[in-house]
Amino acid sequence: MRDHVGIFFSAVFLFFGAAIVYDGVSSHDAGQSARVLAGAAILALGITTMRLVLRNWWKERKLYRESRSASRENET
């Protein structure tokens, strides 16, 4: 369940970060650099969240396979 929530929030962060960066780059005003930095921070948060979710999923998958193979070895 946590993985689904993490993937959802990382997608939301990536979408809003990209929108803020695009808005900051496409406009030419005094707050442009602040918008670009805020968008980049939100993009980084989304990428970090996605990386952590995928790392945890991969680790759980590996442990599950190892436990299944160990249980099969014990049966024979």
N, C-alpha and C. Protein backbone atom coordinates (compact mmCIF):
# COMPACT_ATOMS: atom_id res chain seq x y z
N MET A 1 0.81 -1.19 0.00
CA MET A 1 0.00 0.00 0.00
C MET A 1 0.87 1.27 0.00
N ARG A 2 1.94 1.23 0.80
CA ARG A 2 2.80 2.41 0.85
C ARG A 2 3.42 2.72 -0.49
N ASP A 3 3.74 1.67 -1.25
CA ASP A 3 4.36 1.89 -2.55
C ASP A 3 3.43 2.65 -3.50
N HIS A 4 2.15 2.32 -3.46
CA HIS A 4 1.20 3.00 -4.34
C HIS A 4 1.07 4.47 -3.96
N VAL A 5 1.06 4.76 -2.68
CA VAL A 5 0.97 6.14 -2.23
C VAL A 5 2.24 6.90 -2.61
N GLY A 6 3.39 6.26 -2.45
CA GLY A 6 4.66 6.89 -2.82
C GLY A 6 4.75 7.20 -4.30
N ILE A 7 4.31 6.27 -5.11
CA ILE A 7 4.33 6.49 -6.56
C ILE A 7 3.36 7.61 -6.94
N PHE A 8 2.20 7.66 -6.29
CA PHE A 8 1.24 8.73 -6.57
C PHE A 8 1.83 10.09 -6.23
N PHE A 9 2.41 10.21 -5.02
CA PHE A 9 2.95 11.50 -4.62
C PHE A 9 4.17 11.89 -5.45
N SER A 10 4.99 10.93 -5.84
CA SER A 10 6.14 11.28 -6.68
C SER A 10 5.67 11.77 -8.04
N ALA A 11 4.62 11.17 -8.59
CA ALA A 11 4.08 11.63 -9.86
C ALA A 11 3.50 13.04 -9.74
N VAL A 12 2.83 13.30 -8.61
CA VAL A 12 2.27 14.64 -8.38
C VAL A 12 3.40 15.66 -8.27
N PHE A 13 4.44 15.33 -7.49
CA PHE A 13 5.58 16.24 -7.34
C PHE A 13 6.26 16.49 -8.68
N LEU A 14 6.44 15.45 -9.47
CA LEU A 14 7.09 15.62 -10.77
C LEU A 14 6.24 16.51 -11.68
N PHE A 15 4.94 16.30 -11.68
CA PHE A 15 4.06 17.10 -12.53
C PHE A 15 4.07 18.57 -12.12
N PHE A 16 3.87 18.84 -10.83
CA PHE A 16 3.84 20.24 -10.38
C PHE A 16 5.21 20.90 -10.50
N GLY A 17 6.27 20.14 -10.25
CA GLY A 17 7.61 20.71 -10.40
C GLY A 17 7.88 21.09 -11.85
N ALA A 18 7.50 20.22 -12.78
CA ALA A 18 7.70 20.52 -14.19
C ALA A 18 6.86 21.72 -14.61
N ALA A 19 5.64 21.82 -14.10
CA ALA A 19 4.79 22.96 -14.44
C ALA A 19 5.38 24.27 -13.91
N ILE A 20 5.90 24.23 -12.69
CA ILE A 20 6.48 25.44 -12.11
C ILE A 20 7.75 25.84 -12.85
N VAL A 21 8.59 24.87 -13.19
CA VAL A 21 9.81 25.18 -13.94
C VAL A 21 9.45 25.75 -15.30
N TYR A 22 8.49 25.14 -16.00
CA TYR A 22 8.09 25.64 -17.31
C TYR A 22 7.55 27.07 -17.21
N ASP A 23 6.73 27.32 -16.18
CA ASP A 23 6.18 28.66 -16.00
C ASP A 23 7.28 29.66 -15.67
N GLY A 24 8.25 29.25 -14.88
CA GLY A 24 9.35 30.15 -14.52
C GLY A 24 10.26 30.45 -15.68
N VAL A 25 10.49 29.47 -16.55
CA VAL A 25 11.38 29.67 -17.69
C VAL A 25 10.69 30.45 -18.80
N SER A 26 9.38 30.23 -18.96
CA SER A 26 8.68 30.88 -20.07
C SER A 26 8.35 32.34 -19.79
N SER A 27 8.33 32.75 -18.53
CA SER A 27 8.02 34.15 -18.23
C SER A 27 9.30 34.94 -17.99
N HIS A 28 9.20 36.23 -18.13
CA HIS A 28 10.36 37.10 -17.94
C HIS A 28 10.00 38.19 -16.94
N ASP A 29 10.08 37.84 -15.66
CA ASP A 29 9.81 38.83 -14.63
C ASP A 29 10.76 38.62 -13.46
N ALA A 30 10.57 39.38 -12.41
CA ALA A 30 11.49 39.35 -11.27
C ALA A 30 11.42 38.04 -10.49
N GLY A 31 10.29 37.38 -10.45
CA GLY A 31 10.14 36.13 -9.69
C GLY A 31 10.51 34.89 -10.47
N GLN A 32 11.10 35.09 -11.64
CA GLN A 32 11.43 33.96 -12.51
C GLN A 32 12.39 32.99 -11.85
N SER A 33 13.46 33.49 -11.26
CA SER A 33 14.45 32.59 -10.68
C SER A 33 13.88 31.87 -9.47
N ALA A 34 13.02 32.51 -8.70
CA ALA A 34 12.40 31.85 -7.55
C ALA A 34 11.50 30.71 -8.00
N ARG A 35 10.74 30.92 -9.08
CA ARG A 35 9.88 29.87 -9.60
C ARG A 35 10.69 28.70 -10.15
N VAL A 36 11.78 29.00 -10.82
CA VAL A 36 12.63 27.92 -11.36
C VAL A 36 13.23 27.12 -10.22
N LEU A 37 13.72 27.79 -9.18
CA LEU A 37 14.30 27.08 -8.04
C LEU A 37 13.25 26.26 -7.30
N ALA A 38 12.05 26.80 -7.12
CA ALA A 38 10.97 26.05 -6.46
C ALA A 38 10.58 24.84 -7.29
N GLY A 39 10.47 25.01 -8.59
CA GLY A 39 10.14 23.88 -9.45
C GLY A 39 11.21 22.82 -9.44
N ALA A 40 12.46 23.25 -9.43
CA ALA A 40 13.56 22.28 -9.38
C ALA A 40 13.57 21.52 -8.06
N ALA A 41 13.25 22.20 -6.97
CA ALA A 41 13.19 21.52 -5.67
C ALA A 41 12.07 20.50 -5.63
N ILE A 42 10.91 20.85 -6.19
CA ILE A 42 9.80 19.91 -6.22
C ILE A 42 10.11 18.75 -7.16
N LEU A 43 10.75 19.02 -8.28
CA LEU A 43 11.18 17.93 -9.17
C LEU A 43 12.14 16.99 -8.46
N ALA A 44 13.09 17.55 -7.72
CA ALA A 44 14.05 16.71 -6.98
C ALA A 44 13.34 15.86 -5.94
N LEU A 45 12.35 16.43 -5.27
CA LEU A 45 11.58 15.67 -4.29
C LEU A 45 10.84 14.51 -4.95
N GLY A 46 10.25 14.77 -6.12
CA GLY A 46 9.56 13.70 -6.83
C GLY A 46 10.50 12.61 -7.30
N ILE A 47 11.66 12.98 -7.79
CA ILE A 47 12.64 11.99 -8.25
C ILE A 47 13.17 11.18 -7.07
N THR A 48 13.44 11.85 -5.95
CA THR A 48 13.92 11.14 -4.77
C THR A 48 12.88 10.18 -4.23
N THR A 49 11.62 10.61 -4.19
CA THR A 49 10.55 9.74 -3.72
C THR A 49 10.41 8.53 -4.63
N MET A 50 10.45 8.73 -5.93
CA MET A 50 10.34 7.62 -6.86
C MET A 50 11.50 6.65 -6.69
N ARG A 51 12.71 7.17 -6.51
CA ARG A 51 13.88 6.32 -6.33
C ARG A 51 13.76 5.48 -5.06
N LEU A 52 13.31 6.08 -3.97
CA LEU A 52 13.18 5.36 -2.71
C LEU A 52 12.10 4.29 -2.79
N VAL A 53 10.99 4.60 -3.44
CA VAL A 53 9.92 3.62 -3.59
C VAL A 53 10.39 2.44 -4.42
N LEU A 54 11.07 2.71 -5.52
CA LEU A 54 11.55 1.62 -6.38
C LEU A 54 12.63 0.80 -5.69
N ARG A 55 13.48 1.46 -4.90
CA ARG A 55 14.52 0.72 -4.18
C ARG A 55 13.89 -0.22 -3.15
N ASN A 56 12.90 0.26 -2.41
CA ASN A 56 12.22 -0.58 -1.43
C ASN A 56 11.46 -1.72 -2.10
N TRP A 57 10.83 -1.44 -3.23
CA TRP A 57 10.12 -2.49 -3.95
C TRP A 57 11.08 -3.57 -4.43
N TRP A 58 12.23 -3.15 -4.96
CA TRP A 58 13.21 -4.11 -5.45
C TRP A 58 13.75 -4.96 -4.31
N LYS A 59 14.00 -4.33 -3.15
CA LYS A 59 14.51 -5.07 -2.00
C LYS A 59 13.49 -6.09 -1.51
N GLU A 60 12.22 -5.69 -1.41
CA GLU A 60 11.17 -6.62 -0.98
C GLU A 60 11.01 -7.76 -1.98
N ARG A 61 11.13 -7.46 -3.23
CA ARG A 61 11.01 -8.48 -4.27
C ARG A 61 12.13 -9.50 -4.15
N LYS A 62 13.34 -8.99 -3.91
CA LYS A 62 14.49 -9.88 -3.78
C LYS A 62 14.36 -10.77 -2.54
N LEU A 63 13.95 -10.20 -1.42
CA LEU A 63 13.77 -10.98 -0.20
C LEU A 63 12.66 -12.01 -0.36
N TYR A 64 11.62 -11.67 -1.08
CA TYR A 64 10.53 -12.61 -1.32
C TYR A 64 11.02 -13.79 -2.15
N ARG A 65 11.79 -13.52 -3.17
CA ARG A 65 12.33 -14.61 -3.99
C ARG A 65 13.28 -15.50 -3.21
N GLU A 66 14.12 -14.90 -2.37
CA GLU A 66 15.04 -15.69 -1.56
C GLU A 66 14.28 -16.56 -0.57
N SER A 67 13.24 -16.04 0.04
CA SER A 67 12.47 -16.84 0.99
C SER A 67 11.73 -17.97 0.28
N ARG A 68 11.25 -17.70 -0.92
CA ARG A 68 10.57 -18.77 -1.67
C ARG A 68 11.54 -19.87 -2.07
N SER A 69 12.73 -19.49 -2.50
CA SER A 69 13.71 -20.51 -2.89
C SER A 69 14.19 -21.28 -1.67
N ALA A 70 14.32 -20.63 -0.52
CA ALA A 70 14.73 -21.31 0.71
C ALA A 70 13.65 -22.29 1.17
N SER A 71 12.39 -21.91 1.04
CA SER A 71 11.31 -22.82 1.44
C SER A 71 11.22 -24.00 0.49
N ARG A 72 11.53 -23.81 -0.77
CA ARG A 72 11.53 -24.93 -1.72
C ARG A 72 12.67 -25.90 -1.43
N GLU A 73 13.81 -25.38 -1.02
CA GLU A 73 14.95 -26.23 -0.68
C GLU A 73 14.66 -27.04 0.57
N ASN A 74 13.93 -26.48 1.52
CA ASN A 74 13.59 -27.19 2.74
C ASN A 74 12.56 -28.29 2.51
N GLU A 75 11.73 -28.13 1.48
CA GLU A 75 10.73 -29.15 1.18
C GLU A 75 11.36 -30.40 0.60
N THR A 76 12.45 -30.28 -0.11
CA THR A 76 13.04 -31.46 -0.76
C THR A 76 14.02 -32.17 0.10
